[in-house]
Amino acid sequence: MKKRMHVYFEGMVQGVGFRFTAVEVARDFGIAGWVRNLDDGRVEVLAEGEEEHLESFLKNITGRFSRYIRGKEIEWTEAKGELNDFTVKF
């Protein structure tokens, strides 16, 4: 079942390749959406795909950046189908 995941990552998550790794991992799992840095130092991710793929994406990213992530806030909703690719937003 397709879902939408909106995540805010907190910690030392900017300047460590987080966004570009997120793009690579999302494309590997066939996930659509975007990632961007926020002015307050967090990184925001909006992603849609099969729920199991989103969970694998989240586990992969969290594992790769576990030494930098100090917290994350996740909201799950139904997919809207409006996202086509996974990109970095500036």
N, C-alpha and C. Protein backbone atom coordinates (compact mmCIF):
# COMPACT_ATOMS: atom_id res chain seq x y z
N MET A 1 0.84 -1.18 0.00
CA MET A 1 0.00 0.00 0.00
C MET A 1 0.90 1.25 0.00
N LYS A 2 0.57 2.19 -0.86
CA LYS A 2 1.36 3.41 -0.94
C LYS A 2 1.01 4.36 0.20
N LYS A 3 2.09 4.95 0.75
CA LYS A 3 1.95 5.87 1.85
C LYS A 3 2.80 7.12 1.59
N ARG A 4 2.59 8.12 2.41
CA ARG A 4 3.40 9.34 2.39
C ARG A 4 4.05 9.47 3.77
N MET A 5 5.34 9.78 3.75
CA MET A 5 6.11 9.94 4.97
C MET A 5 6.74 11.32 4.96
N HIS A 6 6.52 12.06 6.03
CA HIS A 6 7.09 13.40 6.19
C HIS A 6 7.98 13.34 7.42
N VAL A 7 9.29 13.57 7.23
CA VAL A 7 10.25 13.39 8.31
C VAL A 7 11.10 14.65 8.50
N TYR A 8 11.35 14.99 9.75
CA TYR A 8 12.31 16.04 10.11
C TYR A 8 13.42 15.36 10.90
N PHE A 9 14.63 15.44 10.38
CA PHE A 9 15.81 14.89 11.05
C PHE A 9 16.52 16.01 11.79
N GLU A 10 16.89 15.75 13.04
CA GLU A 10 17.60 16.73 13.86
C GLU A 10 18.99 16.22 14.20
N GLY A 11 19.90 17.14 14.44
CA GLY A 11 21.27 16.80 14.81
C GLY A 11 22.25 17.51 13.88
N MET A 12 23.39 16.91 13.70
CA MET A 12 24.41 17.44 12.78
C MET A 12 24.18 16.83 11.39
N VAL A 13 23.05 17.15 10.79
CA VAL A 13 22.63 16.49 9.56
C VAL A 13 22.85 17.32 8.30
N GLN A 14 23.39 18.52 8.46
CA GLN A 14 23.71 19.33 7.29
C GLN A 14 25.22 19.34 7.09
N GLY A 15 25.65 19.32 5.84
CA GLY A 15 27.07 19.36 5.51
C GLY A 15 27.76 18.02 5.61
N VAL A 16 26.99 16.93 5.64
CA VAL A 16 27.57 15.59 5.76
C VAL A 16 27.16 14.67 4.60
N GLY A 17 26.56 15.25 3.54
CA GLY A 17 26.13 14.45 2.39
C GLY A 17 24.77 13.81 2.56
N PHE A 18 24.03 14.25 3.54
CA PHE A 18 22.73 13.65 3.86
C PHE A 18 21.76 13.72 2.68
N ARG A 19 21.61 14.90 2.11
CA ARG A 19 20.61 15.07 1.04
C ARG A 19 20.93 14.23 -0.18
N PHE A 20 22.18 14.22 -0.59
CA PHE A 20 22.53 13.50 -1.80
C PHE A 20 22.49 11.99 -1.59
N THR A 21 22.79 11.55 -0.38
CA THR A 21 22.63 10.13 -0.04
C THR A 21 21.16 9.76 -0.03
N ALA A 22 20.33 10.64 0.51
CA ALA A 22 18.88 10.39 0.53
C ALA A 22 18.33 10.21 -0.88
N VAL A 23 18.80 11.02 -1.81
CA VAL A 23 18.36 10.89 -3.21
C VAL A 23 18.75 9.52 -3.76
N GLU A 24 19.98 9.13 -3.54
CA GLU A 24 20.48 7.84 -4.04
C GLU A 24 19.68 6.67 -3.46
N VAL A 25 19.48 6.70 -2.16
CA VAL A 25 18.76 5.61 -1.49
C VAL A 25 17.29 5.60 -1.92
N ALA A 26 16.66 6.75 -2.01
CA ALA A 26 15.26 6.82 -2.43
C ALA A 26 15.08 6.26 -3.83
N ARG A 27 15.97 6.59 -4.73
CA ARG A 27 15.87 6.08 -6.09
C ARG A 27 16.08 4.57 -6.13
N ASP A 28 16.96 4.04 -5.27
CA ASP A 28 17.16 2.59 -5.18
C ASP A 28 15.88 1.88 -4.77
N PHE A 29 15.07 2.51 -3.91
CA PHE A 29 13.83 1.91 -3.43
C PHE A 29 12.61 2.32 -4.25
N GLY A 30 12.79 3.12 -5.30
CA GLY A 30 11.66 3.55 -6.13
C GLY A 30 10.73 4.52 -5.41
N ILE A 31 11.30 5.36 -4.58
CA ILE A 31 10.52 6.32 -3.80
C ILE A 31 10.54 7.69 -4.48
N ALA A 32 9.42 8.36 -4.46
CA ALA A 32 9.33 9.72 -5.02
C ALA A 32 9.26 10.72 -3.87
N GLY A 33 9.74 11.94 -4.14
CA GLY A 33 9.66 12.98 -3.12
C GLY A 33 10.80 13.95 -3.20
N TRP A 34 11.17 14.51 -2.06
CA TRP A 34 12.26 15.49 -2.02
C TRP A 34 12.88 15.56 -0.63
N VAL A 35 14.06 16.17 -0.58
CA VAL A 35 14.78 16.40 0.65
C VAL A 35 15.33 17.82 0.61
N ARG A 36 15.36 18.50 1.77
CA ARG A 36 15.92 19.86 1.80
C ARG A 36 16.44 20.20 3.19
N ASN A 37 17.43 21.08 3.21
CA ASN A 37 17.93 21.64 4.46
C ASN A 37 16.99 22.74 4.91
N LEU A 38 16.82 22.86 6.22
CA LEU A 38 16.03 23.93 6.80
C LEU A 38 16.96 24.92 7.50
N ASP A 39 16.52 26.15 7.62
CA ASP A 39 17.33 27.20 8.23
C ASP A 39 17.68 26.91 9.69
N ASP A 40 16.89 26.09 10.36
CA ASP A 40 17.14 25.80 11.78
C ASP A 40 18.11 24.63 11.99
N GLY A 41 18.70 24.11 10.89
CA GLY A 41 19.69 23.05 11.00
C GLY A 41 19.15 21.65 10.78
N ARG A 42 17.83 21.52 10.69
CA ARG A 42 17.24 20.21 10.43
C ARG A 42 17.24 19.91 8.94
N VAL A 43 16.95 18.64 8.60
CA VAL A 43 16.72 18.24 7.22
C VAL A 43 15.31 17.68 7.14
N GLU A 44 14.57 18.11 6.13
CA GLU A 44 13.18 17.70 5.92
C GLU A 44 13.11 16.77 4.72
N VAL A 45 12.34 15.68 4.86
CA VAL A 45 12.12 14.72 3.78
C VAL A 45 10.62 14.52 3.62
N LEU A 46 10.15 14.59 2.38
CA LEU A 46 8.79 14.22 2.04
C LEU A 46 8.90 13.12 1.00
N ALA A 47 8.32 11.96 1.28
CA ALA A 47 8.50 10.82 0.38
C ALA A 47 7.22 10.02 0.27
N GLU A 48 7.01 9.46 -0.93
CA GLU A 48 5.87 8.57 -1.18
C GLU A 48 6.36 7.29 -1.84
N GLY A 49 5.71 6.21 -1.49
CA GLY A 49 6.03 4.93 -2.09
C GLY A 49 5.34 3.82 -1.31
N GLU A 50 5.71 2.58 -1.64
CA GLU A 50 5.17 1.46 -0.88
C GLU A 50 5.65 1.58 0.55
N GLU A 51 4.77 1.30 1.50
CA GLU A 51 5.11 1.48 2.91
C GLU A 51 6.38 0.73 3.30
N GLU A 52 6.53 -0.50 2.82
CA GLU A 52 7.72 -1.28 3.16
C GLU A 52 8.99 -0.65 2.59
N HIS A 53 8.90 -0.01 1.41
CA HIS A 53 10.04 0.67 0.83
C HIS A 53 10.39 1.93 1.61
N LEU A 54 9.37 2.64 2.06
CA LEU A 54 9.61 3.84 2.88
C LEU A 54 10.28 3.46 4.20
N GLU A 55 9.82 2.37 4.81
CA GLU A 55 10.44 1.92 6.06
C GLU A 55 11.89 1.50 5.84
N SER A 56 12.17 0.84 4.71
CA SER A 56 13.54 0.45 4.39
C SER A 56 14.41 1.67 4.12
N PHE A 57 13.86 2.65 3.43
CA PHE A 57 14.56 3.91 3.17
C PHE A 57 14.93 4.58 4.50
N LEU A 58 13.97 4.69 5.39
CA LEU A 58 14.18 5.33 6.69
C LEU A 58 15.24 4.58 7.50
N LYS A 59 15.17 3.27 7.51
CA LYS A 59 16.15 2.45 8.24
C LYS A 59 17.54 2.63 7.65
N ASN A 60 17.63 2.66 6.32
CA ASN A 60 18.92 2.82 5.64
C ASN A 60 19.54 4.17 5.95
N ILE A 61 18.77 5.23 5.81
CA ILE A 61 19.27 6.58 6.07
C ILE A 61 19.65 6.74 7.54
N THR A 62 18.79 6.26 8.43
CA THR A 62 19.08 6.36 9.86
C THR A 62 20.35 5.59 10.21
N GLY A 63 20.55 4.43 9.62
CA GLY A 63 21.75 3.65 9.87
C GLY A 63 23.01 4.33 9.36
N ARG A 64 22.95 4.87 8.15
CA ARG A 64 24.13 5.53 7.57
C ARG A 64 24.54 6.79 8.32
N PHE A 65 23.56 7.49 8.88
CA PHE A 65 23.83 8.77 9.54
C PHE A 65 23.55 8.73 11.04
N SER A 66 23.61 7.54 11.62
CA SER A 66 23.26 7.38 13.04
C SER A 66 24.13 8.24 13.95
N ARG A 67 25.38 8.47 13.57
CA ARG A 67 26.25 9.28 14.44
C ARG A 67 25.91 10.77 14.36
N TYR A 68 25.12 11.17 13.35
CA TYR A 68 24.76 12.58 13.18
C TYR A 68 23.33 12.89 13.62
N ILE A 69 22.44 11.92 13.49
CA ILE A 69 21.02 12.13 13.81
C ILE A 69 20.82 12.06 15.31
N ARG A 70 20.22 13.10 15.86
CA ARG A 70 19.93 13.14 17.29
C ARG A 70 18.44 12.96 17.57
N GLY A 71 17.65 13.03 16.54
CA GLY A 71 16.22 12.84 16.70
C GLY A 71 15.53 12.93 15.36
N LYS A 72 14.31 12.41 15.29
CA LYS A 72 13.51 12.54 14.07
C LYS A 72 12.04 12.54 14.44
N GLU A 73 11.31 13.30 13.67
CA GLU A 73 9.86 13.42 13.83
C GLU A 73 9.25 12.91 12.53
N ILE A 74 8.36 11.92 12.64
CA ILE A 74 7.80 11.28 11.45
C ILE A 74 6.28 11.37 11.48
N GLU A 75 5.72 11.73 10.33
CA GLU A 75 4.26 11.74 10.17
C GLU A 75 3.92 10.87 8.96
N TRP A 76 3.04 9.92 9.16
CA TRP A 76 2.58 9.03 8.08
C TRP A 76 1.16 9.42 7.66
N THR A 77 0.94 9.52 6.36
CA THR A 77 -0.39 9.78 5.81
C THR A 77 -0.57 8.96 4.54
N GLU A 78 -1.73 9.05 3.96
CA GLU A 78 -1.98 8.37 2.69
C GLU A 78 -1.25 9.09 1.56
N ALA A 79 -0.76 8.34 0.59
CA ALA A 79 -0.08 8.93 -0.57
C ALA A 79 -1.06 9.77 -1.37
N LYS A 80 -0.56 10.85 -1.95
CA LYS A 80 -1.38 11.72 -2.79
C LYS A 80 -1.10 11.50 -4.26
N GLY A 81 0.01 10.84 -4.59
CA GLY A 81 0.32 10.53 -5.98
C GLY A 81 0.79 11.71 -6.80
N GLU A 82 1.23 12.78 -6.16
CA GLU A 82 1.63 13.98 -6.89
C GLU A 82 3.15 14.10 -7.09
N LEU A 83 3.91 13.14 -6.57
CA LEU A 83 5.37 13.17 -6.67
C LEU A 83 5.84 12.15 -7.69
N ASN A 84 6.83 12.53 -8.53
CA ASN A 84 7.26 11.63 -9.60
C ASN A 84 8.67 11.10 -9.45
N ASP A 85 9.57 11.90 -8.89
CA ASP A 85 10.97 11.54 -8.76
C ASP A 85 11.42 11.95 -7.37
N PHE A 86 12.66 11.68 -7.02
CA PHE A 86 13.17 12.13 -5.72
C PHE A 86 14.31 13.10 -5.99
N THR A 87 14.18 14.32 -5.45
CA THR A 87 15.14 15.38 -5.75
C THR A 87 15.55 16.14 -4.49
N VAL A 88 16.57 16.96 -4.65
CA VAL A 88 16.97 17.89 -3.59
C VAL A 88 16.28 19.22 -3.90
N LYS A 89 15.61 19.75 -2.88
CA LYS A 89 15.01 21.09 -3.00
C LYS A 89 15.97 22.09 -2.38
N PHE A 90 16.14 23.21 -3.06
CA PHE A 90 17.01 24.27 -2.54
C PHE A 90 16.20 25.48 -2.18
